C-alpha cells in the first residue's frame, strides 16, 4: 500500500480520477473504492497495462458516465494497474453518483 490518498477533484470543468485496475475478471464492473480512495475497476482484459485493458476501461467508464470515450484520457499509469484519468465535462459529484460510489 502507498501513503497517498486519492481524492476526486474538479480541474478545468472535469474530474481527475484515481483508478486501480484488477484484471482477469469474469465481468467488467466497479468494485468499490480502495482504502486510499481510488476507484477499483474489474476488467476482463489482461494485463492491466495492455492496450485492450486500457480501451476496455475507457469504454466501460464512458458508458457508465454517459459520455464519449474521447472525453476520458489516461494521464498517468497507462502501463500500470494504478492509473489517473482525466474526465472532461463531468463534475466529481456526478462521477461518484454515476459510478455508484456515494
PDB file of N, CA and C in Angstrom:
ATOM      1  N   UNK A   1       0.831  -1.183   0.000  1.00  0.00           N
ATOM      2  CA  UNK A   1       0.000   0.000   0.000  1.00  0.00           C
ATOM      3  C   UNK A   1       0.878   1.250   0.000  1.00  0.00           C
ATOM      4  N   UNK A   2       0.319   2.327  -0.488  1.00  0.00           N
ATOM      5  CA  UNK A   2       1.052   3.584  -0.522  1.00  0.00           C
ATOM      6  C   UNK A   2       0.502   4.536   0.520  1.00  0.00           C
ATOM      7  N   UNK A   3       1.237   5.604   0.760  1.00  0.00           N
ATOM      8  CA  UNK A   3       0.796   6.625   1.702  1.00  0.00           C
ATOM      9  C   UNK A   3      -0.164   7.607   1.048  1.00  0.00           C
ATOM     10  N   UNK A   4      -0.223   7.582  -0.284  1.00  0.00           N
ATOM     11  CA  UNK A   4      -1.026   8.564  -0.999  1.00  0.00           C
ATOM     12  C   UNK A   4      -2.506   8.317  -0.807  1.00  0.00           C
ATOM     13  N   UNK A   5      -3.225   9.395  -0.687  1.00  0.00           N
ATOM     14  CA  UNK A   5      -4.672   9.317  -0.585  1.00  0.00           C
ATOM     15  C   UNK A   5      -5.243  10.061  -1.791  1.00  0.00           C
ATOM     16  N   UNK A   6      -5.955   9.355  -2.625  1.00  0.00           N
ATOM     17  CA  UNK A   6      -6.521   9.958  -3.828  1.00  0.00           C
ATOM     18  C   UNK A   6      -7.877  10.552  -3.504  1.00  0.00           C
ATOM     19  N   UNK A   7      -8.152  11.699  -4.106  1.00  0.00           N
ATOM     20  CA  UNK A   7      -9.435  12.351  -3.921  1.00  0.00           C
ATOM     21  C   UNK A   7      -9.952  12.777  -5.279  1.00  0.00           C
ATOM     22  N   UNK A   8     -11.266  12.846  -5.385  1.00  0.00           N
ATOM     23  CA  UNK A   8     -11.879  13.374  -6.592  1.00  0.00           C
ATOM     24  C   UNK A   8     -11.649  14.880  -6.596  1.00  0.00           C
ATOM     25  N   UNK A   9     -11.288  15.418  -7.768  1.00  0.00           N
ATOM     26  CA  UNK A   9     -11.082  16.855  -7.884  1.00  0.00           C
ATOM     27  C   UNK A   9     -11.802  17.365  -9.125  1.00  0.00           C
ATOM     28  N   UNK A  10     -11.941  18.688  -9.217  1.00  0.00           N
ATOM     29  CA  UNK A  10     -12.634  19.303 -10.340  1.00  0.00           C
ATOM     30  C   UNK A  10     -11.720  20.256 -11.114  1.00  0.00           C
ATOM     31  N   UNK A  11     -10.708  19.761 -11.813  1.00  0.00           N
ATOM     32  CA  UNK A  11      -9.857  20.651 -12.581  1.00  0.00           C
ATOM     33  C   UNK A  11     -10.504  21.004 -13.918  1.00  0.00           C
ATOM     34  N   UNK A  12     -10.453  22.251 -14.284  1.00  0.00           N
ATOM     35  CA  UNK A  12     -10.912  22.746 -15.584  1.00  0.00           C
ATOM     36  C   UNK A  12     -12.131  22.014 -16.134  1.00  0.00           C
ATOM     37  N   UNK A  13     -13.243  22.132 -15.464  1.00  0.00           N
ATOM     38  CA  UNK A  13     -14.519  21.581 -15.945  1.00  0.00           C
ATOM     39  C   UNK A  13     -14.465  20.081 -16.192  1.00  0.00           C
ATOM     40  N   UNK A  14     -13.886  19.384 -15.258  1.00  0.00           N
ATOM     41  CA  UNK A  14     -13.815  17.939 -15.376  1.00  0.00           C
ATOM     42  C   UNK A  14     -13.369  17.329 -14.069  1.00  0.00           C
ATOM     43  N   UNK A  15     -12.955  16.088 -14.124  1.00  0.00           N
ATOM     44  CA  UNK A  15     -12.573  15.359 -12.925  1.00  0.00           C
ATOM     45  C   UNK A  15     -11.282  14.584 -13.161  1.00  0.00           C
ATOM     46  N   UNK A  16     -10.412  14.583 -12.166  1.00  0.00           N
ATOM     47  CA  UNK A  16      -9.259  13.694 -12.155  1.00  0.00           C
ATOM     48  C   UNK A  16      -9.657  12.514 -11.283  1.00  0.00           C
ATOM     49  N   UNK A  17      -9.485  11.306 -11.784  1.00  0.00           N
ATOM     50  CA  UNK A  17      -9.970  10.121 -11.098  1.00  0.00           C
ATOM     51  C   UNK A  17      -8.852   9.095 -10.958  1.00  0.00           C
ATOM     52  N   UNK A  18      -8.580   8.684  -9.738  1.00  0.00           N
ATOM     53  CA  UNK A  18      -7.627   7.611  -9.491  1.00  0.00           C
ATOM     54  C   UNK A  18      -8.339   6.274  -9.633  1.00  0.00           C
ATOM     55  N   UNK A  19      -7.737   5.352 -10.389  1.00  0.00           N
ATOM     56  CA  UNK A  19      -8.348   4.049 -10.653  1.00  0.00           C
ATOM     57  C   UNK A  19      -7.327   2.948 -10.405  1.00  0.00           C
ATOM     58  N   UNK A  20      -7.752   1.883  -9.746  1.00  0.00           N
ATOM     59  CA  UNK A  20      -6.944   0.672  -9.629  1.00  0.00           C
ATOM     60  C   UNK A  20      -7.644  -0.410 -10.448  1.00  0.00           C
ATOM     61  N   UNK A  21      -6.934  -0.952 -11.417  1.00  0.00           N
ATOM     62  CA  UNK A  21      -7.472  -1.958 -12.322  1.00  0.00           C
ATOM     63  C   UNK A  21      -7.115  -3.355 -11.820  1.00  0.00           C
ATOM     64  N   UNK A  22      -8.120  -4.208 -11.760  1.00  0.00           N
ATOM     65  CA  UNK A  22      -7.931  -5.623 -11.434  1.00  0.00           C
ATOM     66  C   UNK A  22      -8.377  -6.391 -12.671  1.00  0.00           C
ATOM     67  N   UNK A  23      -7.504  -7.222 -13.216  1.00  0.00           N
ATOM     68  CA  UNK A  23      -7.796  -7.892 -14.484  1.00  0.00           C
ATOM     69  C   UNK A  23      -8.206  -9.353 -14.285  1.00  0.00           C
ATOM     70  N   UNK A  24      -8.528  -9.960 -15.418  1.00  0.00           N
ATOM     71  CA  UNK A  24      -8.931 -11.368 -15.482  1.00  0.00           C
ATOM     72  C   UNK A  24     -10.208 -11.641 -14.704  1.00  0.00           C
ATOM     73  N   UNK A  25     -11.100 -10.686 -14.709  1.00  0.00           N
ATOM     74  CA  UNK A  25     -12.389 -10.849 -14.050  1.00  0.00           C
ATOM     75  C   UNK A  25     -13.365 -11.501 -15.021  1.00  0.00           C
ATOM     76  N   UNK A  26     -14.407 -12.091 -14.504  1.00  0.00           N
ATOM     77  CA  UNK A  26     -15.420 -12.686 -15.370  1.00  0.00           C
ATOM     78  C   UNK A  26     -16.359 -11.630 -15.934  1.00  0.00           C
ATOM     79  N   UNK A  27     -16.350 -10.444 -15.340  1.00  0.00           N
ATOM     80  CA  UNK A  27     -17.188  -9.349 -15.807  1.00  0.00           C
ATOM     81  C   UNK A  27     -16.475  -8.019 -15.563  1.00  0.00           C
ATOM     82  N   UNK A  28     -16.849  -7.012 -16.333  1.00  0.00           N
ATOM     83  CA  UNK A  28     -16.305  -5.675 -16.139  1.00  0.00           C
ATOM     84  C   UNK A  28     -17.253  -4.929 -15.214  1.00  0.00           C
ATOM     85  N   UNK A  29     -16.699  -4.403 -14.099  1.00  0.00           N
ATOM     86  CA  UNK A  29     -17.572  -3.767 -13.117  1.00  0.00           C
ATOM     87  C   UNK A  29     -16.788  -2.851 -12.185  1.00  0.00           C
ATOM     88  N   UNK A  30     -17.531  -1.942 -11.542  1.00  0.00           N
ATOM     89  CA  UNK A  30     -16.977  -1.134 -10.466  1.00  0.00           C
ATOM     90  C   UNK A  30     -16.985  -2.007  -9.227  1.00  0.00           C
ATOM     91  N   UNK A  31     -15.853  -2.075  -8.539  1.00  0.00           N
ATOM     92  CA  UNK A  31     -15.747  -2.937  -7.365  1.00  0.00           C
ATOM     93  C   UNK A  31     -15.537  -2.128  -6.090  1.00  0.00           C
ATOM     94  N   UNK A  32     -15.977  -0.872  -6.084  1.00  0.00           N
ATOM     95  CA  UNK A  32     -15.864  -0.031  -4.904  1.00  0.00           C
ATOM     96  C   UNK A  32     -14.633   0.847  -4.926  1.00  0.00           C
ATOM     97  N   UNK A  33     -14.212   1.249  -3.721  1.00  0.00           N
ATOM     98  CA  UNK A  33     -13.027   2.097  -3.565  1.00  0.00           C
ATOM     99  C   UNK A  33     -11.996   1.364  -2.724  1.00  0.00           C
ATOM    100  N   UNK A  34     -10.733   1.681  -2.975  1.00  0.00           N
ATOM    101  CA  UNK A  34      -9.658   1.143  -2.149  1.00  0.00           C
ATOM    102  C   UNK A  34      -9.579   1.972  -0.866  1.00  0.00           C
ATOM    103  N   UNK A  35      -8.744   1.547   0.069  1.00  0.00           N
ATOM    104  CA  UNK A  35      -8.532   2.310   1.306  1.00  0.00           C
ATOM    105  C   UNK A  35      -7.973   3.699   1.027  1.00  0.00           C
ATOM    106  N   UNK A  36      -7.238   3.839  -0.078  1.00  0.00           N
ATOM    107  CA  UNK A  36      -6.662   5.136  -0.453  1.00  0.00           C
ATOM    108  C   UNK A  36      -7.671   6.047  -1.155  1.00  0.00           C
ATOM    109  N   UNK A  37      -8.837   5.508  -1.517  1.00  0.00           N
ATOM    110  CA  UNK A  37      -9.860   6.315  -2.173  1.00  0.00           C
ATOM    111  C   UNK A  37      -9.903   6.191  -3.679  1.00  0.00           C
ATOM    112  N   UNK A  38      -9.047   5.361  -4.267  1.00  0.00           N
ATOM    113  CA  UNK A  38      -9.121   5.157  -5.709  1.00  0.00           C
ATOM    114  C   UNK A  38     -10.303   4.244  -6.032  1.00  0.00           C
ATOM    115  N   UNK A  39     -10.812   4.370  -7.225  1.00  0.00           N
ATOM    116  CA  UNK A  39     -11.917   3.534  -7.677  1.00  0.00           C
ATOM    117  C   UNK A  39     -11.344   2.216  -8.186  1.00  0.00           C
ATOM    118  N   UNK A  40     -11.865   1.130  -7.684  1.00  0.00           N
ATOM    119  CA  UNK A  40     -11.408  -0.195  -8.097  1.00  0.00           C
ATOM    120  C   UNK A  40     -12.326  -0.678  -9.219  1.00  0.00           C
ATOM    121  N   UNK A  41     -11.723  -1.035 -10.358  1.00  0.00           N
ATOM    122  CA  UNK A  41     -12.486  -1.492 -11.517  1.00  0.00           C
ATOM    123  C   UNK A  41     -11.973  -2.868 -11.933  1.00  0.00           C
ATOM    124  N   UNK A  42     -12.873  -3.808 -12.033  1.00  0.00           N
ATOM    125  CA  UNK A  42     -12.528  -5.148 -12.519  1.00  0.00           C
ATOM    126  C   UNK A  42     -12.740  -5.178 -14.028  1.00  0.00           C
ATOM    127  N   UNK A  43     -11.737  -5.721 -14.729  1.00  0.00           N
ATOM    128  CA  UNK A  43     -11.797  -5.826 -16.191  1.00  0.00           C
ATOM    129  C   UNK A  43     -11.605  -7.272 -16.615  1.00  0.00           C
ATOM    130  N   UNK A  44     -12.162  -7.611 -17.759  1.00  0.00           N
ATOM    131  CA  UNK A  44     -11.970  -8.936 -18.337  1.00  0.00           C
ATOM    132  C   UNK A  44     -10.584  -9.023 -18.972  1.00  0.00           C
ATOM    133  N   UNK A  45     -10.178  -7.968 -19.672  1.00  0.00           N
ATOM    134  CA  UNK A  45      -8.897  -7.945 -20.393  1.00  0.00           C
ATOM    135  C   UNK A  45      -7.716  -7.994 -19.428  1.00  0.00           C
ATOM    136  N   UNK A  46      -6.584  -8.478 -19.937  1.00  0.00           N
ATOM    137  CA  UNK A  46      -5.372  -8.592 -19.129  1.00  0.00           C
ATOM    138  C   UNK A  46      -4.163  -8.483 -20.052  1.00  0.00           C
ATOM    139  N   UNK A  47      -3.029  -8.000 -19.577  1.00  0.00           N
ATOM    140  CA  UNK A  47      -2.735  -7.418 -18.277  1.00  0.00           C
ATOM    141  C   UNK A  47      -3.224  -5.974 -18.175  1.00  0.00           C
ATOM    142  N   UNK A  48      -3.108  -5.395 -16.984  1.00  0.00           N
ATOM    143  CA  UNK A  48      -3.671  -4.069 -16.695  1.00  0.00           C
ATOM    144  C   UNK A  48      -3.140  -2.965 -17.606  1.00  0.00           C
ATOM    145  N   UNK A  49      -1.897  -3.062 -18.031  1.00  0.00           N
ATOM    146  CA  UNK A  49      -1.308  -2.020 -18.866  1.00  0.00           C
ATOM    147  C   UNK A  49      -1.431  -2.258 -20.355  1.00  0.00           C
ATOM    148  N   UNK A  50      -2.158  -3.303 -20.742  1.00  0.00           N
ATOM    149  CA  UNK A  50      -2.290  -3.599 -22.170  1.00  0.00           C
ATOM    150  C   UNK A  50      -3.242  -2.621 -22.851  1.00  0.00           C
ATOM    151  N   UNK A  51      -3.082  -2.492 -24.151  1.00  0.00           N
ATOM    152  CA  UNK A  51      -3.973  -1.648 -24.942  1.00  0.00           C
ATOM    153  C   UNK A  51      -5.422  -2.097 -24.778  1.00  0.00           C
ATOM    154  N   UNK A  52      -5.655  -3.402 -24.781  1.00  0.00           N
ATOM    155  CA  UNK A  52      -7.018  -3.943 -24.658  1.00  0.00           C
ATOM    156  C   UNK A  52      -7.650  -3.572 -23.320  1.00  0.00           C
ATOM    157  N   UNK A  53      -6.884  -3.698 -22.235  1.00  0.00           N
ATOM    158  CA  UNK A  53      -7.403  -3.359 -20.906  1.00  0.00           C
ATOM    159  C   UNK A  53      -7.683  -1.863 -20.797  1.00  0.00           C
ATOM    160  N   UNK A  54      -6.782  -1.032 -21.321  1.00  0.00           N
ATOM    161  CA  UNK A  54      -6.993   0.414 -21.277  1.00  0.00           C
ATOM    162  C   UNK A  54      -8.228   0.816 -22.080  1.00  0.00           C
ATOM    163  N   UNK A  55      -8.406   0.218 -23.247  1.00  0.00           N
ATOM    164  CA  UNK A  55      -9.590   0.511 -24.060  1.00  0.00           C
ATOM    165  C   UNK A  55     -10.863   0.042 -23.365  1.00  0.00           C
ATOM    166  N   UNK A  56     -10.813  -1.150 -22.762  1.00  0.00           N
ATOM    167  CA  UNK A  56     -11.975  -1.663 -22.035  1.00  0.00           C
ATOM    168  C   UNK A  56     -12.342  -0.727 -20.876  1.00  0.00           C
ATOM    169  N   UNK A  57     -11.338  -0.252 -20.148  1.00  0.00           N
ATOM    170  CA  UNK A  57     -11.563   0.663 -19.033  1.00  0.00           C
ATOM    171  C   UNK A  57     -12.232   1.947 -19.505  1.00  0.00           C
ATOM    172  N   UNK A  58     -11.692   2.559 -20.536  1.00  0.00           N
ATOM    173  CA  UNK A  58     -12.238   3.820 -21.041  1.00  0.00           C
ATOM    174  C   UNK A  58     -13.647   3.628 -21.587  1.00  0.00           C
ATOM    175  N   UNK A  59     -13.869   2.582 -22.355  1.00  0.00           N
ATOM    176  CA  UNK A  59     -15.206   2.327 -22.908  1.00  0.00           C
ATOM    177  C   UNK A  59     -16.216   2.061 -21.801  1.00  0.00           C
ATOM    178  N   UNK A  60     -15.831   1.294 -20.790  1.00  0.00           N
ATOM    179  CA  UNK A  60     -16.722   0.996 -19.672  1.00  0.00           C
ATOM    180  C   UNK A  60     -17.091   2.267 -18.917  1.00  0.00           C
ATOM    181  N   UNK A  61     -16.087   3.071 -18.564  1.00  0.00           N
ATOM    182  CA  UNK A  61     -16.362   4.292 -17.818  1.00  0.00           C
ATOM    183  C   UNK A  61     -17.185   5.293 -18.635  1.00  0.00           C
ATOM    184  N   UNK A  62     -16.887   5.405 -19.912  1.00  0.00           N
ATOM    185  CA  UNK A  62     -17.661   6.306 -20.777  1.00  0.00           C
ATOM    186  C   UNK A  62     -19.128   5.892 -20.812  1.00  0.00           C
ATOM    187  N   UNK A  63     -19.377   4.591 -20.907  1.00  0.00           N
ATOM    188  CA  UNK A  63     -20.757   4.091 -20.920  1.00  0.00           C
ATOM    189  C   UNK A  63     -21.449   4.387 -19.590  1.00  0.00           C
ATOM    190  N   UNK A  64     -20.758   4.131 -18.472  1.00  0.00           N
ATOM    191  CA  UNK A  64     -21.338   4.383 -17.147  1.00  0.00           C
ATOM    192  C   UNK A  64     -21.620   5.870 -16.931  1.00  0.00           C
ATOM    193  N   UNK A  65     -20.753   6.728 -17.462  1.00  0.00           N
ATOM    194  CA  UNK A  65     -20.889   8.170 -17.269  1.00  0.00           C
ATOM    195  C   UNK A  65     -21.747   8.837 -18.332  1.00  0.00           C
ATOM    196  N   UNK A  66     -22.075   8.105 -19.394  1.00  0.00           N
ATOM    197  CA  UNK A  66     -22.896   8.658 -20.466  1.00  0.00           C
ATOM    198  C   UNK A  66     -22.170   9.711 -21.289  1.00  0.00           C
ATOM    199  N   UNK A  67     -20.871   9.495 -21.511  1.00  0.00           N
ATOM    200  CA  UNK A  67     -20.089  10.451 -22.297  1.00  0.00           C
ATOM    201  C   UNK A  67     -19.320   9.727 -23.393  1.00  0.00           C
ATOM    202  N   UNK A  68     -18.781  10.484 -24.327  1.00  0.00           N
ATOM    203  CA  UNK A  68     -17.965   9.938 -25.408  1.00  0.00           C
ATOM    204  C   UNK A  68     -16.616   9.497 -24.858  1.00  0.00           C
ATOM    205  N   UNK A  69     -16.067   8.426 -25.401  1.00  0.00           N
ATOM    206  CA  UNK A  69     -14.764   7.923 -24.957  1.00  0.00           C
ATOM    207  C   UNK A  69     -13.660   8.963 -25.130  1.00  0.00           C
ATOM    208  N   UNK A  70     -13.826   9.885 -26.057  1.00  0.00           N
ATOM    209  CA  UNK A  70     -12.814  10.915 -26.307  1.00  0.00           C
ATOM    210  C   UNK A  70     -12.684  11.889 -25.139  1.00  0.00           C
ATOM    211  N   UNK A  71     -13.636  11.871 -24.221  1.00  0.00           N
ATOM    212  CA  UNK A  71     -13.598  12.768 -23.065  1.00  0.00           C
ATOM    213  C   UNK A  71     -12.863  12.153 -21.875  1.00  0.00           C
ATOM    214  N   UNK A  72     -12.368  10.924 -22.054  1.00  0.00           N
ATOM    215  CA  UNK A  72     -11.611  10.256 -20.993  1.00  0.00           C
ATOM    216  C   UNK A  72     -10.204   9.970 -21.501  1.00  0.00           C
ATOM    217  N   UNK A  73      -9.218  10.343 -20.688  1.00  0.00           N
ATOM    218  CA  UNK A  73      -7.828  10.120 -21.060  1.00  0.00           C
ATOM    219  C   UNK A  73      -7.059   9.579 -19.855  1.00  0.00           C
ATOM    220  N   UNK A  74      -6.231   8.575 -20.087  1.00  0.00           N
ATOM    221  CA  UNK A  74      -5.341   8.086 -19.036  1.00  0.00           C
ATOM    222  C   UNK A  74      -4.127   9.004 -19.053  1.00  0.00           C
ATOM    223  N   UNK A  75      -3.964   9.779 -17.980  1.00  0.00           N
ATOM    224  CA  UNK A  75      -2.880  10.760 -17.937  1.00  0.00           C
ATOM    225  C   UNK A  75      -1.670  10.272 -17.151  1.00  0.00           C
ATOM    226  N   UNK A  76      -1.830   9.209 -16.382  1.00  0.00           N
ATOM    227  CA  UNK A  76      -0.701   8.611 -15.656  1.00  0.00           C
ATOM    228  C   UNK A  76      -0.993   7.134 -15.429  1.00  0.00           C
ATOM    229  N   UNK A  77       0.035   6.323 -15.512  1.00  0.00           N
ATOM    230  CA  UNK A  77      -0.106   4.898 -15.231  1.00  0.00           C
ATOM    231  C   UNK A  77      -0.659   4.075 -16.374  1.00  0.00           C
ATOM    232  N   UNK A  78      -0.476   4.534 -17.610  1.00  0.00           N
ATOM    233  CA  UNK A  78      -1.045   3.827 -18.761  1.00  0.00           C
ATOM    234  C   UNK A  78      -0.600   2.370 -18.823  1.00  0.00           C
ATOM    235  N   UNK A  79       0.598   2.074 -18.329  1.00  0.00           N
ATOM    236  CA  UNK A  79       1.112   0.706 -18.369  1.00  0.00           C
ATOM    237  C   UNK A  79       1.101   0.027 -16.997  1.00  0.00           C
ATOM    238  N   UNK A  80       0.320   0.579 -16.075  1.00  0.00           N
ATOM    239  CA  UNK A  80       0.265   0.081 -14.696  1.00  0.00           C
ATOM    240  C   UNK A  80      -1.172  -0.270 -14.286  1.00  0.00           C
ATOM    241  N   UNK A  81      -1.299  -0.876 -13.119  1.00  0.00           N
ATOM    242  CA  UNK A  81      -2.626  -1.156 -12.551  1.00  0.00           C
ATOM    243  C   UNK A  81      -3.240   0.098 -11.937  1.00  0.00           C
ATOM    244  N   UNK A  82      -2.398   0.956 -11.357  1.00  0.00           N
ATOM    245  CA  UNK A  82      -2.875   2.213 -10.782  1.00  0.00           C
ATOM    246  C   UNK A  82      -2.750   3.305 -11.830  1.00  0.00           C
ATOM    247  N   UNK A  83      -3.873   3.951 -12.111  1.00  0.00           N
ATOM    248  CA  UNK A  83      -3.930   4.949 -13.173  1.00  0.00           C
ATOM    249  C   UNK A  83      -4.594   6.216 -12.664  1.00  0.00           C
ATOM    250  N   UNK A  84      -4.319   7.323 -13.323  1.00  0.00           N
ATOM    251  CA  UNK A  84      -5.054   8.556 -13.102  1.00  0.00           C
ATOM    252  C   UNK A  84      -5.684   8.934 -14.430  1.00  0.00           C
ATOM    253  N   UNK A  85      -6.991   9.163 -14.388  1.00  0.00           N
ATOM    254  CA  UNK A  85      -7.737   9.510 -15.587  1.00  0.00           C
ATOM    255  C   UNK A  85      -8.227  10.942 -15.506  1.00  0.00           C
ATOM    256  N   UNK A  86      -8.257  11.597 -16.631  1.00  0.00           N
ATOM    257  CA  UNK A  86      -8.869  12.906 -16.769  1.00  0.00           C
ATOM    258  C   UNK A  86     -10.206  12.693 -17.468  1.00  0.00           C
ATOM    259  N   UNK A  87     -11.265  13.187 -16.846  1.00  0.00           N
ATOM    260  CA  UNK A  87     -12.605  13.047 -17.420  1.00  0.00           C
ATOM    261  C   UNK A  87     -13.140  14.448 -17.666  1.00  0.00           C
ATOM    262  N   UNK A  88     -13.319  14.794 -18.917  1.00  0.00           N
ATOM    263  CA  UNK A  88     -13.712  16.135 -19.317  1.00  0.00           C
ATOM    264  C   UNK A  88     -15.227  16.324 -19.256  1.00  0.00           C
ATOM    265  N   UNK A  89     -15.639  17.444 -18.679  1.00  0.00           N
ATOM    266  CA  UNK A  89     -17.035  17.840 -18.722  1.00  0.00           C
ATOM    267  C   UNK A  89     -17.964  17.175 -17.728  1.00  0.00           C
ATOM    268  N   UNK A  90     -17.418  16.449 -16.747  1.00  0.00           N
ATOM    269  CA  UNK A  90     -18.245  15.790 -15.738  1.00  0.00           C
ATOM    270  C   UNK A  90     -17.676  16.139 -14.369  1.00  0.00           C
ATOM    271  N   UNK A  91     -18.517  16.635 -13.469  1.00  0.00           N
ATOM    272  CA  UNK A  91     -18.048  17.010 -12.139  1.00  0.00           C
ATOM    273  C   UNK A  91     -17.733  15.773 -11.303  1.00  0.00           C
ATOM    274  N   UNK A  92     -16.937  15.958 -10.275  1.00  0.00           N
ATOM    275  CA  UNK A  92     -16.595  14.844  -9.392  1.00  0.00           C
ATOM    276  C   UNK A  92     -17.834  14.286  -8.698  1.00  0.00           C
ATOM    277  N   UNK A  93     -18.776  15.156  -8.375  1.00  0.00           N
ATOM    278  CA  UNK A  93     -20.030  14.715  -7.745  1.00  0.00           C
ATOM    279  C   UNK A  93     -20.807  13.802  -8.683  1.00  0.00           C
ATOM    280  N   UNK A  94     -20.872  14.179  -9.955  1.00  0.00           N
ATOM    281  CA  UNK A  94     -21.574  13.352 -10.944  1.00  0.00           C
ATOM    282  C   UNK A  94     -20.855  12.024 -11.175  1.00  0.00           C
ATOM    283  N   UNK A  95     -19.530  12.051 -11.206  1.00  0.00           N
ATOM    284  CA  UNK A  95     -18.759  10.817 -11.389  1.00  0.00           C
ATOM    285  C   UNK A  95     -19.058   9.855 -10.254  1.00  0.00           C
ATOM    286  N   UNK A  96     -18.981  10.331  -9.026  1.00  0.00           N
ATOM    287  CA  UNK A  96     -19.251   9.468  -7.871  1.00  0.00           C
ATOM    288  C   UNK A  96     -20.669   8.897  -7.922  1.00  0.00           C
ATOM    289  N   UNK A  97     -21.630   9.732  -8.270  1.00  0.00           N
ATOM    290  CA  UNK A  97     -23.024   9.269  -8.321  1.00  0.00           C
ATOM    291  C   UNK A  97     -23.238   8.253  -9.428  1.00  0.00           C
ATOM    292  N   UNK A  98     -22.722   8.541 -10.614  1.00  0.00           N
ATOM    293  CA  UNK A  98     -22.943   7.646 -11.768  1.00  0.00           C
ATOM    294  C   UNK A  98     -22.191   6.324 -11.644  1.00  0.00           C
ATOM    295  N   UNK A  99     -21.103   6.331 -10.871  1.00  0.00           N
ATOM    296  CA  UNK A  99     -20.360   5.094 -10.650  1.00  0.00           C
ATOM    297  C   UNK A  99     -20.842   4.363  -9.406  1.00  0.00           C
ATOM    298  N   UNK A 100     -21.835   4.915  -8.730  1.00  0.00           N
ATOM    299  CA  UNK A 100     -22.409   4.261  -7.551  1.00  0.00           C
ATOM    300  C   UNK A 100     -21.493   4.276  -6.349  1.00  0.00           C
ATOM    301  N   UNK A 101     -20.722   5.349  -6.189  1.00  0.00           N
ATOM    302  CA  UNK A 101     -19.746   5.423  -5.111  1.00  0.00           C
ATOM    303  C   UNK A 101     -20.158   6.338  -3.970  1.00  0.00           C
ATOM    304  N   UNK A 102     -21.371   6.846  -4.010  1.00  0.00           N
ATOM    305  CA  UNK A 102     -21.829   7.778  -2.967  1.00  0.00           C
ATOM    306  C   UNK A 102     -22.530   7.047  -1.869  1.00  0.00           C
TER     307      UNK A 102
END
